[in-house]
Amino acid sequence: MELNVFVEDYIKQNHSQFSDKAQEEMRKAIRAGYYFAKGSDEPVDEDSFEFIKIIYDKAKKIHEAKDLEASEKYDMIFNDNVSRKVYHLFDWADPDTTYEEDVAAFMIAFKEYIEDQERINKY
């Protein structure tokens, strides 16, 4: 079965109650996940909400990790794979004090952004 046919069938069967915009975001996320798992060089829509949510979940896991030092969390969040992919989406005040406070401030703003988008995207 072709990927696009599969995605359309899946959305119709499982997520038809969502708005057209939300369904389109789901389509993009499914395709991006497929191509990522496949190891393809297909372009990934890094502005899709589902992709951004994956980055948030990764950052949250790092932030909440008990076995990482504050400096390790800082390095893992403030890099090309996390903060640089989403920094343009929301404003946050960098306290520029300690690694722990910098990460906490970023995560608070990132969480607020995710919650706002989830509230908006449910319609």
PDB file of N, CA and C in Angstrom:
ATOM      1  N   MET A   1       0.849  -1.181   0.000  1.00  0.00           N
ATOM      2  CA  MET A   1       0.000   0.000   0.000  1.00  0.00           C
ATOM      3  C   MET A   1       0.892   1.241   0.000  1.00  0.00           C
ATOM      4  N   GLU A   2       0.554   2.187  -0.832  1.00  0.00           N
ATOM      5  CA  GLU A   2       1.302   3.428  -0.902  1.00  0.00           C
ATOM      6  C   GLU A   2       1.159   4.205   0.407  1.00  0.00           C
ATOM      7  N   LEU A   3       2.222   4.881   0.810  1.00  0.00           N
ATOM      8  CA  LEU A   3       2.235   5.616   2.067  1.00  0.00           C
ATOM      9  C   LEU A   3       1.095   6.627   2.158  1.00  0.00           C
ATOM     10  N   ASN A   4       0.866   7.423   1.108  1.00  0.00           N
ATOM     11  CA  ASN A   4      -0.172   8.450   1.156  1.00  0.00           C
ATOM     12  C   ASN A   4      -1.564   7.846   1.330  1.00  0.00           C
ATOM     13  N   VAL A   5      -1.811   6.707   0.692  1.00  0.00           N
ATOM     14  CA  VAL A   5      -3.104   6.034   0.833  1.00  0.00           C
ATOM     15  C   VAL A   5      -3.259   5.536   2.265  1.00  0.00           C
ATOM     16  N   PHE A   6      -2.197   4.937   2.787  1.00  0.00           N
ATOM     17  CA  PHE A   6      -2.228   4.456   4.166  1.00  0.00           C
ATOM     18  C   PHE A   6      -2.528   5.597   5.142  1.00  0.00           C
ATOM     19  N   VAL A   7      -1.825   6.710   4.975  1.00  0.00           N
ATOM     20  CA  VAL A   7      -1.998   7.857   5.876  1.00  0.00           C
ATOM     21  C   VAL A   7      -3.427   8.378   5.800  1.00  0.00           C
ATOM     22  N   GLU A   8      -3.964   8.528   4.596  1.00  0.00           N
ATOM     23  CA  GLU A   8      -5.335   9.024   4.442  1.00  0.00           C
ATOM     24  C   GLU A   8      -6.338   8.085   5.113  1.00  0.00           C
ATOM     25  N   ASP A   9      -6.181   6.780   4.888  1.00  0.00           N
ATOM     26  CA  ASP A   9      -7.082   5.812   5.512  1.00  0.00           C
ATOM     27  C   ASP A   9      -6.990   5.874   7.030  1.00  0.00           C
ATOM     28  N   TYR A  10      -5.772   5.970   7.538  1.00  0.00           N
ATOM     29  CA  TYR A  10      -5.567   6.028   8.986  1.00  0.00           C
ATOM     30  C   TYR A  10      -6.228   7.264   9.586  1.00  0.00           C
ATOM     31  N   ILE A  11      -6.032   8.414   8.963  1.00  0.00           N
ATOM     32  CA  ILE A  11      -6.627   9.657   9.474  1.00  0.00           C
ATOM     33  C   ILE A  11      -8.147   9.565   9.448  1.00  0.00           C
ATOM     34  N   LYS A  12      -8.723   9.083   8.352  1.00  0.00           N
ATOM     35  CA  LYS A  12     -10.182   8.968   8.244  1.00  0.00           C
ATOM     36  C   LYS A  12     -10.753   8.038   9.302  1.00  0.00           C
ATOM     37  N   GLN A  13     -10.083   6.931   9.539  1.00  0.00           N
ATOM     38  CA  GLN A  13     -10.599   5.931  10.473  1.00  0.00           C
ATOM     39  C   GLN A  13     -10.406   6.324  11.932  1.00  0.00           C
ATOM     40  N   ASN A  14      -9.347   7.054  12.238  1.00  0.00           N
ATOM     41  CA  ASN A  14      -8.999   7.288  13.635  1.00  0.00           C
ATOM     42  C   ASN A  14      -9.062   8.727  14.108  1.00  0.00           C
ATOM     43  N   HIS A  15      -9.054   9.675  13.180  1.00  0.00           N
ATOM     44  CA  HIS A  15      -8.962  11.075  13.606  1.00  0.00           C
ATOM     45  C   HIS A  15      -9.872  12.010  12.821  1.00  0.00           C
ATOM     46  N   SER A  16     -10.952  11.518  12.313  1.00  0.00           N
ATOM     47  CA  SER A  16     -11.838  12.343  11.500  1.00  0.00           C
ATOM     48  C   SER A  16     -12.525  13.444  12.308  1.00  0.00           C
ATOM     49  N   GLN A  17     -12.530  13.312  13.623  1.00  0.00           N
ATOM     50  CA  GLN A  17     -13.185  14.313  14.468  1.00  0.00           C
ATOM     51  C   GLN A  17     -12.370  15.605  14.598  1.00  0.00           C
ATOM     52  N   PHE A  18     -11.112  15.591  14.166  1.00  0.00           N
ATOM     53  CA  PHE A  18     -10.260  16.758  14.291  1.00  0.00           C
ATOM     54  C   PHE A  18     -10.420  17.690  13.090  1.00  0.00           C
ATOM     55  N   SER A  19     -10.016  18.936  13.279  1.00  0.00           N
ATOM     56  CA  SER A  19     -10.113  19.935  12.205  1.00  0.00           C
ATOM     57  C   SER A  19      -9.211  19.546  11.039  1.00  0.00           C
ATOM     58  N   ASP A  20      -9.474  20.160   9.890  1.00  0.00           N
ATOM     59  CA  ASP A  20      -8.644  19.904   8.705  1.00  0.00           C
ATOM     60  C   ASP A  20      -7.182  20.251   8.980  1.00  0.00           C
ATOM     61  N   LYS A  21      -6.976  21.350   9.685  1.00  0.00           N
ATOM     62  CA  LYS A  21      -5.608  21.772   9.998  1.00  0.00           C
ATOM     63  C   LYS A  21      -4.920  20.732  10.873  1.00  0.00           C
ATOM     64  N   ALA A  22      -5.599  20.245  11.886  1.00  0.00           N
ATOM     65  CA  ALA A  22      -5.016  19.236  12.771  1.00  0.00           C
ATOM     66  C   ALA A  22      -4.739  17.944  12.012  1.00  0.00           C
ATOM     67  N   GLN A  23      -5.659  17.569  11.119  1.00  0.00           N
ATOM     68  CA  GLN A  23      -5.449  16.367  10.316  1.00  0.00           C
ATOM     69  C   GLN A  23      -4.228  16.518   9.411  1.00  0.00           C
ATOM     70  N   GLU A  24      -4.029  17.699   8.855  1.00  0.00           N
ATOM     71  CA  GLU A  24      -2.864  17.930   8.002  1.00  0.00           C
ATOM     72  C   GLU A  24      -1.572  17.818   8.810  1.00  0.00           C
ATOM     73  N   GLU A  25      -1.588  18.343  10.028  1.00  0.00           N
ATOM     74  CA  GLU A  25      -0.414  18.222  10.897  1.00  0.00           C
ATOM     75  C   GLU A  25      -0.127  16.757  11.207  1.00  0.00           C
ATOM     76  N   MET A  26      -1.182  15.966  11.414  1.00  0.00           N
ATOM     77  CA  MET A  26      -1.000  14.533  11.661  1.00  0.00           C
ATOM     78  C   MET A  26      -0.400  13.847  10.439  1.00  0.00           C
ATOM     79  N   ARG A  27      -0.886  14.198   9.266  1.00  0.00           N
ATOM     80  CA  ARG A  27      -0.334  13.623   8.032  1.00  0.00           C
ATOM     81  C   ARG A  27       1.163  13.902   7.932  1.00  0.00           C
ATOM     82  N   LYS A  28       1.521  15.154   8.172  1.00  0.00           N
ATOM     83  CA  LYS A  28       2.928  15.542   8.101  1.00  0.00           C
ATOM     84  C   LYS A  28       3.768  14.773   9.117  1.00  0.00           C
ATOM     85  N   ALA A  29       3.244  14.638  10.330  1.00  0.00           N
ATOM     86  CA  ALA A  29       3.989  13.943  11.379  1.00  0.00           C
ATOM     87  C   ALA A  29       4.172  12.467  11.054  1.00  0.00           C
ATOM     88  N   ILE A  30       3.140  11.836  10.529  1.00  0.00           N
ATOM     89  CA  ILE A  30       3.238  10.418  10.173  1.00  0.00           C
ATOM     90  C   ILE A  30       4.271  10.227   9.071  1.00  0.00           C
ATOM     91  N   ARG A  31       4.203  11.067   8.050  1.00  0.00           N
ATOM     92  CA  ARG A  31       5.170  10.949   6.954  1.00  0.00           C
ATOM     93  C   ARG A  31       6.597  11.224   7.445  1.00  0.00           C
ATOM     94  N   ALA A  32       6.749  12.244   8.282  1.00  0.00           N
ATOM     95  CA  ALA A  32       8.084  12.569   8.799  1.00  0.00           C
ATOM     96  C   ALA A  32       8.625  11.409   9.622  1.00  0.00           C
ATOM     97  N   GLY A  33       7.783  10.812  10.457  1.00  0.00           N
ATOM     98  CA  GLY A  33       8.209   9.664  11.257  1.00  0.00           C
ATOM     99  C   GLY A  33       8.595   8.489  10.387  1.00  0.00           C
ATOM    100  N   TYR A  34       7.821   8.262   9.339  1.00  0.00           N
ATOM    101  CA  TYR A  34       8.117   7.163   8.407  1.00  0.00           C
ATOM    102  C   TYR A  34       9.477   7.371   7.750  1.00  0.00           C
ATOM    103  N   TYR A  35       9.680   8.554   7.203  1.00  0.00           N
ATOM    104  CA  TYR A  35      10.935   8.812   6.510  1.00  0.00           C
ATOM    105  C   TYR A  35      12.123   8.825   7.472  1.00  0.00           C
ATOM    106  N   PHE A  36      11.893   9.299   8.696  1.00  0.00           N
ATOM    107  CA  PHE A  36      12.959   9.290   9.693  1.00  0.00           C
ATOM    108  C   PHE A  36      13.353   7.852  10.024  1.00  0.00           C
ATOM    109  N   ALA A  37      12.356   6.997  10.296  1.00  0.00           N
ATOM    110  CA  ALA A  37      12.623   5.601  10.631  1.00  0.00           C
ATOM    111  C   ALA A  37      13.265   4.869   9.457  1.00  0.00           C
ATOM    112  N   LYS A  38      12.857   5.219   8.274  1.00  0.00           N
ATOM    113  CA  LYS A  38      13.382   4.592   7.069  1.00  0.00           C
ATOM    114  C   LYS A  38      14.830   5.024   6.804  1.00  0.00           C
ATOM    115  N   GLY A  39      15.205   6.155   7.362  1.00  0.00           N
ATOM    116  CA  GLY A  39      16.543   6.674   7.122  1.00  0.00           C
ATOM    117  C   GLY A  39      16.647   7.423   5.816  1.00  0.00           C
ATOM    118  N   SER A  40      15.530   7.898   5.333  1.00  0.00           N
ATOM    119  CA  SER A  40      15.485   8.591   4.054  1.00  0.00           C
ATOM    120  C   SER A  40      15.955  10.026   4.198  1.00  0.00           C
ATOM    121  N   ASP A  41      16.367  10.584   3.092  1.00  0.00           N
ATOM    122  CA  ASP A  41      16.744  11.990   3.060  1.00  0.00           C
ATOM    123  C   ASP A  41      15.553  12.875   2.699  1.00  0.00           C
ATOM    124  N   GLU A  42      14.354  12.301   2.725  1.00  0.00           N
ATOM    125  CA  GLU A  42      13.166  13.101   2.423  1.00  0.00           C
ATOM    126  C   GLU A  42      13.101  14.273   3.392  1.00  0.00           C
ATOM    127  N   PRO A  43      12.681  15.419   2.947  1.00  0.00           N
ATOM    128  CA  PRO A  43      12.606  16.569   3.849  1.00  0.00           C
ATOM    129  C   PRO A  43      11.556  16.355   4.943  1.00  0.00           C
ATOM    130  N   VAL A  44      11.881  16.821   6.132  1.00  0.00           N
ATOM    131  CA  VAL A  44      10.977  16.750   7.269  1.00  0.00           C
ATOM    132  C   VAL A  44      10.474  18.154   7.533  1.00  0.00           C
ATOM    133  N   ASP A  45       9.178  18.306   7.712  1.00  0.00           N
ATOM    134  CA  ASP A  45       8.601  19.612   8.007  1.00  0.00           C
ATOM    135  C   ASP A  45       8.865  19.930   9.472  1.00  0.00           C
ATOM    136  N   GLU A  46       9.947  20.656   9.716  1.00  0.00           N
ATOM    137  CA  GLU A  46      10.346  20.951  11.085  1.00  0.00           C
ATOM    138  C   GLU A  46       9.472  22.012  11.736  1.00  0.00           C
ATOM    139  N   ASP A  47       8.541  22.583  10.987  1.00  0.00           N
ATOM    140  CA  ASP A  47       7.616  23.534  11.572  1.00  0.00           C
ATOM    141  C   ASP A  47       6.280  22.887  11.933  1.00  0.00           C
ATOM    142  N   SER A  48       6.123  21.606  11.636  1.00  0.00           N
ATOM    143  CA  SER A  48       4.864  20.948  11.997  1.00  0.00           C
ATOM    144  C   SER A  48       4.795  20.831  13.517  1.00  0.00           C
ATOM    145  N   PHE A  49       3.607  20.975  14.051  1.00  0.00           N
ATOM    146  CA  PHE A  49       3.444  20.933  15.500  1.00  0.00           C
ATOM    147  C   PHE A  49       3.864  19.585  16.060  1.00  0.00           C
ATOM    148  N   GLU A  50       3.573  18.514  15.360  1.00  0.00           N
ATOM    149  CA  GLU A  50       3.936  17.184  15.866  1.00  0.00           C
ATOM    150  C   GLU A  50       5.449  17.036  15.981  1.00  0.00           C
ATOM    151  N   PHE A  51       6.186  17.564  15.024  1.00  0.00           N
ATOM    152  CA  PHE A  51       7.645  17.511  15.094  1.00  0.00           C
ATOM    153  C   PHE A  51       8.143  18.342  16.278  1.00  0.00           C
ATOM    154  N   ILE A  52       7.570  19.511  16.466  1.00  0.00           N
ATOM    155  CA  ILE A  52       7.959  20.378  17.580  1.00  0.00           C
ATOM    156  C   ILE A  52       7.629  19.712  18.912  1.00  0.00           C
ATOM    157  N   LYS A  53       6.496  19.020  18.967  1.00  0.00           N
ATOM    158  CA  LYS A  53       6.106  18.306  20.189  1.00  0.00           C
ATOM    159  C   LYS A  53       7.111  17.205  20.502  1.00  0.00           C
ATOM    160  N   ILE A  54       7.626  16.530  19.504  1.00  0.00           N
ATOM    161  CA  ILE A  54       8.649  15.505  19.717  1.00  0.00           C
ATOM    162  C   ILE A  54       9.899  16.140  20.328  1.00  0.00           C
ATOM    163  N   ILE A  55      10.276  17.298  19.829  1.00  0.00           N
ATOM    164  CA  ILE A  55      11.435  18.002  20.387  1.00  0.00           C
ATOM    165  C   ILE A  55      11.161  18.390  21.834  1.00  0.00           C
ATOM    166  N   TYR A  56       9.933  18.881  22.101  1.00  0.00           N
ATOM    167  CA  TYR A  56       9.581  19.244  23.480  1.00  0.00           C
ATOM    168  C   TYR A  56       9.675  18.028  24.402  1.00  0.00           C
ATOM    169  N   ASP A  57       9.134  16.898  23.971  1.00  0.00           N
ATOM    170  CA  ASP A  57       9.170  15.691  24.799  1.00  0.00           C
ATOM    171  C   ASP A  57      10.605  15.272  25.096  1.00  0.00           C
ATOM    172  N   LYS A  58      11.472  15.409  24.108  1.00  0.00           N
ATOM    173  CA  LYS A  58      12.893  15.085  24.301  1.00  0.00           C
ATOM    174  C   LYS A  58      13.510  16.048  25.316  1.00  0.00           C
ATOM    175  N   ALA A  59      13.255  17.337  25.147  1.00  0.00           N
ATOM    176  CA  ALA A  59      13.806  18.337  26.057  1.00  0.00           C
ATOM    177  C   ALA A  59      13.276  18.136  27.477  1.00  0.00           C
ATOM    178  N   LYS A  60      12.004  17.811  27.596  1.00  0.00           N
ATOM    179  CA  LYS A  60      11.404  17.581  28.919  1.00  0.00           C
ATOM    180  C   LYS A  60      12.063  16.389  29.605  1.00  0.00           C
ATOM    181  N   LYS A  61      12.300  15.334  28.859  1.00  0.00           N
ATOM    182  CA  LYS A  61      12.950  14.149  29.410  1.00  0.00           C
ATOM    183  C   LYS A  61      14.356  14.497  29.914  1.00  0.00           C
ATOM    184  N   ILE A  62      15.073  15.281  29.139  1.00  0.00           N
ATOM    185  CA  ILE A  62      16.409  15.716  29.552  1.00  0.00           C
ATOM    186  C   ILE A  62      16.301  16.574  30.807  1.00  0.00           C
ATOM    187  N   HIS A  63      15.401  17.536  30.792  1.00  0.00           N
ATOM    188  CA  HIS A  63      15.240  18.461  31.916  1.00  0.00           C
ATOM    189  C   HIS A  63      14.895  17.738  33.213  1.00  0.00           C
ATOM    190  N   GLU A  64      14.086  16.708  33.124  1.00  0.00           N
ATOM    191  CA  GLU A  64      13.636  15.975  34.316  1.00  0.00           C
ATOM    192  C   GLU A  64      14.571  14.836  34.720  1.00  0.00           C
ATOM    193  N   ALA A  65      15.606  14.568  33.933  1.00  0.00           N
ATOM    194  CA  ALA A  65      16.516  13.455  34.217  1.00  0.00           C
ATOM    195  C   ALA A  65      17.234  13.665  35.546  1.00  0.00           C
ATOM    196  N   LYS A  66      17.230  12.637  36.353  1.00  0.00           N
ATOM    197  CA  LYS A  66      17.886  12.698  37.667  1.00  0.00           C
ATOM    198  C   LYS A  66      19.373  12.349  37.573  1.00  0.00           C
ATOM    199  N   ASP A  67      19.756  11.675  36.498  1.00  0.00           N
ATOM    200  CA  ASP A  67      21.138  11.205  36.384  1.00  0.00           C
ATOM    201  C   ASP A  67      22.028  12.115  35.532  1.00  0.00           C
ATOM    202  N   LEU A  68      21.553  13.310  35.225  1.00  0.00           N
ATOM    203  CA  LEU A  68      22.346  14.266  34.450  1.00  0.00           C
ATOM    204  C   LEU A  68      22.673  15.484  35.301  1.00  0.00           C
ATOM    205  N   GLU A  69      23.885  15.973  35.144  1.00  0.00           N
ATOM    206  CA  GLU A  69      24.291  17.216  35.807  1.00  0.00           C
ATOM    207  C   GLU A  69      23.653  18.396  35.090  1.00  0.00           C
ATOM    208  N   ALA A  70      23.544  19.517  35.767  1.00  0.00           N
ATOM    209  CA  ALA A  70      22.943  20.720  35.172  1.00  0.00           C
ATOM    210  C   ALA A  70      23.679  21.134  33.907  1.00  0.00           C
ATOM    211  N   SER A  71      24.990  21.041  33.894  1.00  0.00           N
ATOM    212  CA  SER A  71      25.758  21.437  32.715  1.00  0.00           C
ATOM    213  C   SER A  71      25.494  20.487  31.541  1.00  0.00           C
ATOM    214  N   GLU A  72      25.269  19.207  31.828  1.00  0.00           N
ATOM    215  CA  GLU A  72      24.950  18.248  30.769  1.00  0.00           C
ATOM    216  C   GLU A  72      23.575  18.543  30.179  1.00  0.00           C
ATOM    217  N   LYS A  73      22.608  18.839  31.044  1.00  0.00           N
ATOM    218  CA  LYS A  73      21.266  19.199  30.571  1.00  0.00           C
ATOM    219  C   LYS A  73      21.338  20.441  29.686  1.00  0.00           C
ATOM    220  N   TYR A  74      22.103  21.424  30.133  1.00  0.00           N
ATOM    221  CA  TYR A  74      22.266  22.657  29.373  1.00  0.00           C
ATOM    222  C   TYR A  74      22.808  22.355  27.975  1.00  0.00           C
ATOM    223  N   ASP A  75      23.876  21.577  27.925  1.00  0.00           N
ATOM    224  CA  ASP A  75      24.503  21.240  26.636  1.00  0.00           C
ATOM    225  C   ASP A  75      23.571  20.425  25.736  1.00  0.00           C
ATOM    226  N   MET A  76      22.746  19.579  26.326  1.00  0.00           N
ATOM    227  CA  MET A  76      21.853  18.730  25.541  1.00  0.00           C
ATOM    228  C   MET A  76      20.629  19.490  25.030  1.00  0.00           C
ATOM    229  N   ILE A  77      20.241  20.553  25.723  1.00  0.00           N
ATOM    230  CA  ILE A  77      19.067  21.337  25.311  1.00  0.00           C
ATOM    231  C   ILE A  77      19.460  22.519  24.428  1.00  0.00           C
ATOM    232  N   PHE A  78      20.552  23.183  24.762  1.00  0.00           N
ATOM    233  CA  PHE A  78      20.972  24.349  23.975  1.00  0.00           C
ATOM    234  C   PHE A  78      21.970  23.907  22.901  1.00  0.00           C
ATOM    235  N   ASN A  79      21.403  23.331  21.836  1.00  0.00           N
ATOM    236  CA  ASN A  79      22.217  22.854  20.720  1.00  0.00           C
ATOM    237  C   ASN A  79      21.367  22.829  19.448  1.00  0.00           C
ATOM    238  N   ASP A  80      21.937  22.311  18.384  1.00  0.00           N
ATOM    239  CA  ASP A  80      21.245  22.281  17.090  1.00  0.00           C
ATOM    240  C   ASP A  80      20.033  21.358  17.079  1.00  0.00           C
ATOM    241  N   ASN A  81      20.002  20.369  17.960  1.00  0.00           N
ATOM    242  CA  ASN A  81      18.927  19.379  17.944  1.00  0.00           C
ATOM    243  C   ASN A  81      17.701  19.764  18.749  1.00  0.00           C
ATOM    244  N   VAL A  82      17.819  20.738  19.623  1.00  0.00           N
ATOM    245  CA  VAL A  82      16.667  21.118  20.446  1.00  0.00           C
ATOM    246  C   VAL A  82      16.396  22.617  20.306  1.00  0.00           C
ATOM    247  N   SER A  83      17.085  23.428  21.080  1.00  0.00           N
ATOM    248  CA  SER A  83      16.729  24.854  21.153  1.00  0.00           C
ATOM    249  C   SER A  83      16.812  25.574  19.813  1.00  0.00           C
ATOM    250  N   ARG A  84      17.786  25.255  19.008  1.00  0.00           N
ATOM    251  CA  ARG A  84      17.936  25.978  17.735  1.00  0.00           C
ATOM    252  C   ARG A  84      16.862  25.618  16.722  1.00  0.00           C
ATOM    253  N   LYS A  85      16.145  24.532  16.964  1.00  0.00           N
ATOM    254  CA  LYS A  85      15.044  24.168  16.068  1.00  0.00           C
ATOM    255  C   LYS A  85      13.748  24.883  16.446  1.00  0.00           C
ATOM    256  N   VAL A  86      13.665  25.392  17.693  1.00  0.00           N
ATOM    257  CA  VAL A  86      12.399  25.957  18.154  1.00  0.00           C
ATOM    258  C   VAL A  86      12.497  27.382  18.704  1.00  0.00           C
ATOM    259  N   TYR A  87      13.688  27.907  18.847  1.00  0.00           N
ATOM    260  CA  TYR A  87      13.850  29.208  19.504  1.00  0.00           C
ATOM    261  C   TYR A  87      13.045  30.319  18.846  1.00  0.00           C
ATOM    262  N   HIS A  88      12.780  30.213  17.562  1.00  0.00           N
ATOM    263  CA  HIS A  88      12.059  31.251  16.824  1.00  0.00           C
ATOM    264  C   HIS A  88      10.546  31.216  17.066  1.00  0.00           C
ATOM    265  N   LEU A  89      10.067  30.206  17.763  1.00  0.00           N
ATOM    266  CA  LEU A  89       8.621  30.035  17.953  1.00  0.00           C
ATOM    267  C   LEU A  89       8.056  30.763  19.173  1.00  0.00           C
ATOM    268  N   PHE A  90       8.887  31.044  20.143  1.00  0.00           N
ATOM    269  CA  PHE A  90       8.394  31.662  21.378  1.00  0.00           C
ATOM    270  C   PHE A  90       9.491  32.512  22.005  1.00  0.00           C
ATOM    271  N   ASP A  91       9.059  33.452  22.823  1.00  0.00           N
ATOM    272  CA  ASP A  91       9.993  34.311  23.552  1.00  0.00           C
ATOM    273  C   ASP A  91      10.230  33.727  24.936  1.00  0.00           C
ATOM    274  N   TRP A  92      11.437  33.871  25.389  1.00  0.00           N
ATOM    275  CA  TRP A  92      11.747  33.456  26.754  1.00  0.00           C
ATOM    276  C   TRP A  92      12.867  34.342  27.282  1.00  0.00           C
ATOM    277  N   ALA A  93      12.820  34.575  28.570  1.00  0.00           N
ATOM    278  CA  ALA A  93      13.817  35.432  29.207  1.00  0.00           C
ATOM    279  C   ALA A  93      14.942  34.555  29.741  1.00  0.00           C
ATOM    280  N   ASP A  94      16.124  34.748  29.209  1.00  0.00           N
ATOM    281  CA  ASP A  94      17.295  33.997  29.651  1.00  0.00           C
ATOM    282  C   ASP A  94      17.864  34.677  30.893  1.00  0.00           C
ATOM    283  N   PRO A  95      17.742  34.025  32.051  1.00  0.00           N
ATOM    284  CA  PRO A  95      18.264  34.661  33.261  1.00  0.00           C
ATOM    285  C   PRO A  95      19.787  34.788  33.248  1.00  0.00           C
ATOM    286  N   ASP A  96      20.446  33.960  32.399  1.00  0.00           N
ATOM    287  CA  ASP A  96      21.897  34.022  32.243  1.00  0.00           C
ATOM    288  C   ASP A  96      22.605  33.987  33.590  1.00  0.00           C
ATOM    289  N   THR A  97      22.164  33.059  34.430  1.00  0.00           N
ATOM    290  CA  THR A  97      22.779  32.929  35.759  1.00  0.00           C
ATOM    291  C   THR A  97      23.465  31.570  35.888  1.00  0.00           C
ATOM    292  N   THR A  98      22.681  30.524  36.083  1.00  0.00           N
ATOM    293  CA  THR A  98      23.245  29.179  36.206  1.00  0.00           C
ATOM    294  C   THR A  98      22.696  28.302  35.092  1.00  0.00           C
ATOM    295  N   TYR A  99      23.372  27.185  34.849  1.00  0.00           N
ATOM    296  CA  TYR A  99      22.878  26.233  33.858  1.00  0.00           C
ATOM    297  C   TYR A  99      21.455  25.801  34.199  1.00  0.00           C
ATOM    298  N   GLU A 100      21.240  25.510  35.456  1.00  0.00           N
ATOM    299  CA  GLU A 100      19.934  25.017  35.903  1.00  0.00           C
ATOM    300  C   GLU A 100      18.830  26.044  35.666  1.00  0.00           C
ATOM    301  N   GLU A 101      19.092  27.304  36.002  1.00  0.00           N
ATOM    302  CA  GLU A 101      18.081  28.352  35.828  1.00  0.00           C
ATOM    303  C   GLU A 101      17.842  28.665  34.350  1.00  0.00           C
ATOM    304  N   ASP A 102      18.884  28.623  33.544  1.00  0.00           N
ATOM    305  CA  ASP A 102      18.720  28.842  32.105  1.00  0.00           C
ATOM    306  C   ASP A 102      17.839  27.769  31.488  1.00  0.00           C
ATOM    307  N   VAL A 103      18.104  26.505  31.824  1.00  0.00           N
ATOM    308  CA  VAL A 103      17.311  25.391  31.300  1.00  0.00           C
ATOM    309  C   VAL A 103      15.880  25.490  31.792  1.00  0.00           C
ATOM    310  N   ALA A 104      15.695  25.789  33.077  1.00  0.00           N
ATOM    311  CA  ALA A 104      14.343  25.893  33.647  1.00  0.00           C
ATOM    312  C   ALA A 104      13.542  26.997  32.961  1.00  0.00           C
ATOM    313  N   ALA A 105      14.149  28.141  32.729  1.00  0.00           N
ATOM    314  CA  ALA A 105      13.443  29.258  32.081  1.00  0.00           C
ATOM    315  C   ALA A 105      13.047  28.889  30.649  1.00  0.00           C
ATOM    316  N   PHE A 106      13.960  28.251  29.931  1.00  0.00           N
ATOM    317  CA  PHE A 106      13.653  27.822  28.565  1.00  0.00           C
ATOM    318  C   PHE A 106      12.509  26.822  28.560  1.00  0.00           C
ATOM    319  N   MET A 107      12.550  25.857  29.472  1.00  0.00           N
ATOM    320  CA  MET A 107      11.524  24.813  29.501  1.00  0.00           C
ATOM    321  C   MET A 107      10.154  25.371  29.910  1.00  0.00           C
ATOM    322  N   ILE A 108      10.119  26.343  30.777  1.00  0.00           N
ATOM    323  CA  ILE A 108       8.846  26.968  31.148  1.00  0.00           C
ATOM    324  C   ILE A 108       8.216  27.628  29.917  1.00  0.00           C
ATOM    325  N   ALA A 109       9.005  28.379  29.178  1.00  0.00           N
ATOM    326  CA  ALA A 109       8.496  29.051  27.978  1.00  0.00           C
ATOM    327  C   ALA A 109       8.100  28.041  26.905  1.00  0.00           C
ATOM    328  N   PHE A 110       8.898  26.996  26.734  1.00  0.00           N
ATOM    329  CA  PHE A 110       8.606  25.958  25.736  1.00  0.00           C
ATOM    330  C   PHE A 110       7.307  25.244  26.113  1.00  0.00           C
ATOM    331  N   LYS A 111       7.137  24.936  27.379  1.00  0.00           N
ATOM    332  CA  LYS A 111       5.906  24.273  27.849  1.00  0.00           C
ATOM    333  C   LYS A 111       4.691  25.161  27.594  1.00  0.00           C
ATOM    334  N   GLU A 112       4.791  26.431  27.884  1.00  0.00           N
ATOM    335  CA  GLU A 112       3.678  27.360  27.644  1.00  0.00           C
ATOM    336  C   GLU A 112       3.323  27.396  26.161  1.00  0.00           C
ATOM    337  N   TYR A 113       4.333  27.395  25.308  1.00  0.00           N
ATOM    338  CA  TYR A 113       4.099  27.387  23.863  1.00  0.00           C
ATOM    339  C   TYR A 113       3.345  26.117  23.458  1.00  0.00           C
ATOM    340  N   ILE A 114       3.804  24.974  23.922  1.00  0.00           N
ATOM    341  CA  ILE A 114       3.167  23.694  23.589  1.00  0.00           C
ATOM    342  C   ILE A 114       1.723  23.687  24.073  1.00  0.00           C
ATOM    343  N   GLU A 115       1.497  24.110  25.294  1.00  0.00           N
ATOM    344  CA  GLU A 115       0.127  24.133  25.839  1.00  0.00           C
ATOM    345  C   GLU A 115      -0.779  25.062  25.044  1.00  0.00           C
ATOM    346  N   ASP A 116      -0.273  26.220  24.658  1.00  0.00           N
ATOM    347  CA  ASP A 116      -1.064  27.150  23.837  1.00  0.00           C
ATOM    348  C   ASP A 116      -1.417  26.527  22.488  1.00  0.00           C
ATOM    349  N   GLN A 117      -0.441  25.890  21.854  1.00  0.00           N
ATOM    350  CA  GLN A 117      -0.686  25.266  20.550  1.00  0.00           C
ATOM    351  C   GLN A 117      -1.665  24.100  20.657  1.00  0.00           C
ATOM    352  N   GLU A 118      -1.555  23.320  21.720  1.00  0.00           N
ATOM    353  CA  GLU A 118      -2.496  22.214  21.904  1.00  0.00           C
ATOM    354  C   GLU A 118      -3.918  22.737  22.099  1.00  0.00           C
ATOM    355  N   ARG A 119      -4.045  23.825  22.842  1.00  0.00           N
ATOM    356  CA  ARG A 119      -5.368  24.434  23.051  1.00  0.00           C
ATOM    357  C   ARG A 119      -5.945  24.928  21.725  1.00  0.00           C
ATOM    358  N   ILE A 120      -5.124  25.584  20.937  1.00  0.00           N
ATOM    359  CA  ILE A 120      -5.569  26.127  19.646  1.00  0.00           C
ATOM    360  C   ILE A 120      -5.841  25.032  18.631  1.00  0.00           C
ATOM    361  N   ASN A 121      -4.982  24.020  18.576  1.00  0.00           N
ATOM    362  CA  ASN A 121      -5.093  22.969  17.560  1.00  0.00           C
ATOM    363  C   ASN A 121      -6.215  21.981  17.792  1.00  0.00           C
ATOM    364  N   LYS A 122      -6.842  22.034  18.941  1.00  0.00           N
ATOM    365  CA  LYS A 122      -7.926  21.063  19.171  1.00  0.00           C
ATOM    366  C   LYS A 122      -9.208  21.451  18.437  1.00  0.00           C
ATOM    367  N   TYR A 123      -9.240  22.627  17.838  1.00  0.00           N
ATOM    368  CA  TYR A 123     -10.434  23.068  17.112  1.00  0.00           C
ATOM    369  C   TYR A 123     -10.260  22.943  15.632  1.00  0.00           C
TER     370      TYR A 123
END
